[in-house]
Amino acid sequence: MHKHVYDISIRRRNGDVDLNIILRRLAPDHGGTGGGHPFAAGARIPEKELGAFLYDLDEAIST
């Protein structure tokens, strides 16, 4: 069991965003891990980094 971490699972419905690449790049920047497939991926992010991670994720998928 991991304490003080958030497990995140995301899927895309359309578009060209590769969630695997984004989460593999962003999660380690925030002390976590991430990856998966282009259409569905997940990450484990420390609680104290969640806000910053979500901000960066929003920036990455909005471009």
N, C-alpha and C. Protein backbone atom coordinates (compact mmCIF):
# COMPACT_ATOMS: atom_id res chain seq x y z
N MET A 1 0.84 -1.19 0.00
CA MET A 1 0.00 0.00 0.00
C MET A 1 0.89 1.25 0.00
N HIS A 2 0.56 2.19 -0.84
CA HIS A 2 1.29 3.44 -0.92
C HIS A 2 0.49 4.53 -0.24
N LYS A 3 1.11 5.20 0.71
CA LYS A 3 0.43 6.29 1.41
C LYS A 3 0.86 7.62 0.81
N HIS A 4 -0.05 8.54 0.85
CA HIS A 4 0.21 9.91 0.41
C HIS A 4 0.57 10.00 -1.07
N VAL A 5 -0.04 9.13 -1.87
CA VAL A 5 0.10 9.21 -3.32
C VAL A 5 -1.28 9.11 -3.95
N TYR A 6 -1.40 9.65 -5.14
CA TYR A 6 -2.63 9.54 -5.92
C TYR A 6 -2.35 8.66 -7.13
N ASP A 7 -3.22 7.69 -7.36
CA ASP A 7 -3.19 6.88 -8.57
C ASP A 7 -4.19 7.48 -9.54
N ILE A 8 -3.72 7.84 -10.71
CA ILE A 8 -4.53 8.54 -11.70
C ILE A 8 -4.63 7.67 -12.95
N SER A 9 -5.82 7.54 -13.49
CA SER A 9 -6.05 6.83 -14.73
C SER A 9 -6.81 7.75 -15.67
N ILE A 10 -6.30 7.92 -16.87
CA ILE A 10 -6.97 8.81 -17.83
C ILE A 10 -7.10 8.11 -19.18
N ARG A 11 -8.13 8.50 -19.89
CA ARG A 11 -8.39 7.99 -21.25
C ARG A 11 -8.73 9.18 -22.14
N ARG A 12 -8.41 9.03 -23.40
CA ARG A 12 -8.80 10.07 -24.34
C ARG A 12 -9.88 9.53 -25.26
N ARG A 13 -10.75 10.40 -25.66
CA ARG A 13 -11.84 10.02 -26.56
C ARG A 13 -11.52 10.33 -28.01
N ASN A 14 -10.77 11.39 -28.22
CA ASN A 14 -10.41 11.78 -29.58
C ASN A 14 -9.16 12.64 -29.53
N GLY A 15 -8.69 13.04 -30.68
CA GLY A 15 -7.51 13.88 -30.74
C GLY A 15 -6.24 13.08 -30.96
N ASP A 16 -5.13 13.79 -31.01
CA ASP A 16 -3.85 13.18 -31.32
C ASP A 16 -2.89 13.14 -30.14
N VAL A 17 -3.37 13.44 -28.95
CA VAL A 17 -2.52 13.45 -27.76
C VAL A 17 -2.13 12.03 -27.40
N ASP A 18 -0.83 11.77 -27.22
CA ASP A 18 -0.35 10.46 -26.79
C ASP A 18 -0.17 10.49 -25.28
N LEU A 19 -1.13 9.92 -24.56
CA LEU A 19 -1.10 9.97 -23.09
C LEU A 19 0.10 9.24 -22.52
N ASN A 20 0.53 8.17 -23.15
CA ASN A 20 1.69 7.43 -22.68
C ASN A 20 2.93 8.34 -22.63
N ILE A 21 3.20 9.02 -23.72
CA ILE A 21 4.37 9.89 -23.78
C ILE A 21 4.27 11.01 -22.76
N ILE A 22 3.12 11.62 -22.66
CA ILE A 22 2.94 12.74 -21.73
C ILE A 22 3.15 12.30 -20.29
N LEU A 23 2.53 11.20 -19.87
CA LEU A 23 2.66 10.78 -18.48
C LEU A 23 4.05 10.23 -18.17
N ARG A 24 4.71 9.60 -19.12
CA ARG A 24 6.09 9.14 -18.90
C ARG A 24 7.04 10.33 -18.71
N ARG A 25 6.74 11.44 -19.35
CA ARG A 25 7.58 12.63 -19.23
C ARG A 25 7.24 13.44 -17.99
N LEU A 26 5.95 13.66 -17.72
CA LEU A 26 5.54 14.54 -16.63
C LEU A 26 5.66 13.92 -15.24
N ALA A 27 5.25 12.68 -15.08
CA ALA A 27 5.21 12.07 -13.75
C ALA A 27 6.56 12.10 -13.04
N PRO A 28 7.66 11.72 -13.68
CA PRO A 28 8.95 11.78 -12.98
C PRO A 28 9.35 13.21 -12.57
N ASP A 29 8.92 14.20 -13.32
CA ASP A 29 9.21 15.59 -12.96
C ASP A 29 8.56 15.96 -11.63
N HIS A 30 7.57 15.18 -11.20
CA HIS A 30 6.84 15.45 -9.97
C HIS A 30 7.03 14.33 -8.94
N GLY A 31 8.09 13.54 -9.12
CA GLY A 31 8.41 12.50 -8.15
C GLY A 31 7.57 11.24 -8.28
N GLY A 32 6.92 11.07 -9.43
CA GLY A 32 6.05 9.91 -9.61
C GLY A 32 6.47 9.05 -10.78
N THR A 33 5.57 8.17 -11.17
CA THR A 33 5.77 7.30 -12.32
C THR A 33 4.52 7.36 -13.18
N GLY A 34 4.70 7.06 -14.46
CA GLY A 34 3.55 7.09 -15.35
C GLY A 34 3.82 6.40 -16.66
N GLY A 35 2.76 6.05 -17.36
CA GLY A 35 2.87 5.43 -18.67
C GLY A 35 1.62 4.67 -19.01
N GLY A 36 1.66 3.98 -20.13
CA GLY A 36 0.51 3.20 -20.56
C GLY A 36 0.46 3.09 -22.06
N HIS A 37 -0.64 3.51 -22.64
CA HIS A 37 -0.88 3.45 -24.08
C HIS A 37 -1.25 4.84 -24.58
N PRO A 38 -1.22 5.07 -25.89
CA PRO A 38 -1.57 6.39 -26.41
C PRO A 38 -2.98 6.84 -26.03
N PHE A 39 -3.93 5.90 -25.93
CA PHE A 39 -5.32 6.25 -25.63
C PHE A 39 -5.69 6.15 -24.16
N ALA A 40 -4.88 5.43 -23.38
CA ALA A 40 -5.18 5.24 -21.95
C ALA A 40 -3.87 5.07 -21.20
N ALA A 41 -3.72 5.82 -20.13
CA ALA A 41 -2.48 5.75 -19.35
C ALA A 41 -2.77 6.11 -17.90
N GLY A 42 -1.78 5.91 -17.07
CA GLY A 42 -1.96 6.20 -15.66
C GLY A 42 -0.68 6.75 -15.05
N ALA A 43 -0.82 7.26 -13.83
CA ALA A 43 0.33 7.79 -13.12
C ALA A 43 0.11 7.63 -11.62
N ARG A 44 1.21 7.56 -10.90
CA ARG A 44 1.19 7.57 -9.44
C ARG A 44 2.00 8.80 -9.03
N ILE A 45 1.32 9.76 -8.37
CA ILE A 45 1.89 11.06 -8.05
C ILE A 45 1.84 11.29 -6.55
N PRO A 46 2.96 11.73 -5.95
CA PRO A 46 2.93 12.06 -4.52
C PRO A 46 1.91 13.17 -4.23
N GLU A 47 1.26 13.05 -3.09
CA GLU A 47 0.21 13.99 -2.69
C GLU A 47 0.66 15.45 -2.78
N LYS A 48 1.85 15.74 -2.32
CA LYS A 48 2.33 17.13 -2.29
C LYS A 48 2.59 17.70 -3.69
N GLU A 49 2.66 16.84 -4.70
CA GLU A 49 2.92 17.28 -6.07
C GLU A 49 1.68 17.28 -6.96
N LEU A 50 0.55 16.84 -6.42
CA LEU A 50 -0.63 16.65 -7.26
C LEU A 50 -1.07 17.92 -7.97
N GLY A 51 -1.16 19.03 -7.27
CA GLY A 51 -1.60 20.28 -7.89
C GLY A 51 -0.70 20.70 -9.04
N ALA A 52 0.59 20.66 -8.82
CA ALA A 52 1.55 21.05 -9.87
C ALA A 52 1.49 20.07 -11.04
N PHE A 53 1.35 18.78 -10.75
CA PHE A 53 1.23 17.78 -11.81
C PHE A 53 0.00 18.04 -12.67
N LEU A 54 -1.14 18.27 -12.03
CA LEU A 54 -2.37 18.51 -12.78
C LEU A 54 -2.28 19.77 -13.64
N TYR A 55 -1.62 20.79 -13.11
CA TYR A 55 -1.41 22.01 -13.90
C TYR A 55 -0.59 21.69 -15.15
N ASP A 56 0.53 20.97 -14.97
CA ASP A 56 1.39 20.63 -16.11
C ASP A 56 0.67 19.69 -17.08
N LEU A 57 -0.13 18.77 -16.56
CA LEU A 57 -0.89 17.87 -17.43
C LEU A 57 -1.88 18.66 -18.27
N ASP A 58 -2.56 19.60 -17.67
CA ASP A 58 -3.51 20.45 -18.41
C ASP A 58 -2.79 21.20 -19.52
N GLU A 59 -1.62 21.74 -19.19
CA GLU A 59 -0.83 22.46 -20.21
C GLU A 59 -0.44 21.52 -21.35
N ALA A 60 -0.02 20.30 -21.02
CA ALA A 60 0.45 19.36 -22.03
C ALA A 60 -0.66 18.88 -22.96
N ILE A 61 -1.85 18.66 -22.43
CA ILE A 61 -2.92 18.14 -23.29
C ILE A 61 -3.71 19.26 -23.98
N SER A 62 -3.47 20.49 -23.59
CA SER A 62 -4.17 21.62 -24.20
C SER A 62 -3.48 22.15 -25.44
N THR A 63 -2.26 21.70 -25.69
CA THR A 63 -1.50 22.23 -26.84
C THR A 63 -1.75 21.45 -28.08
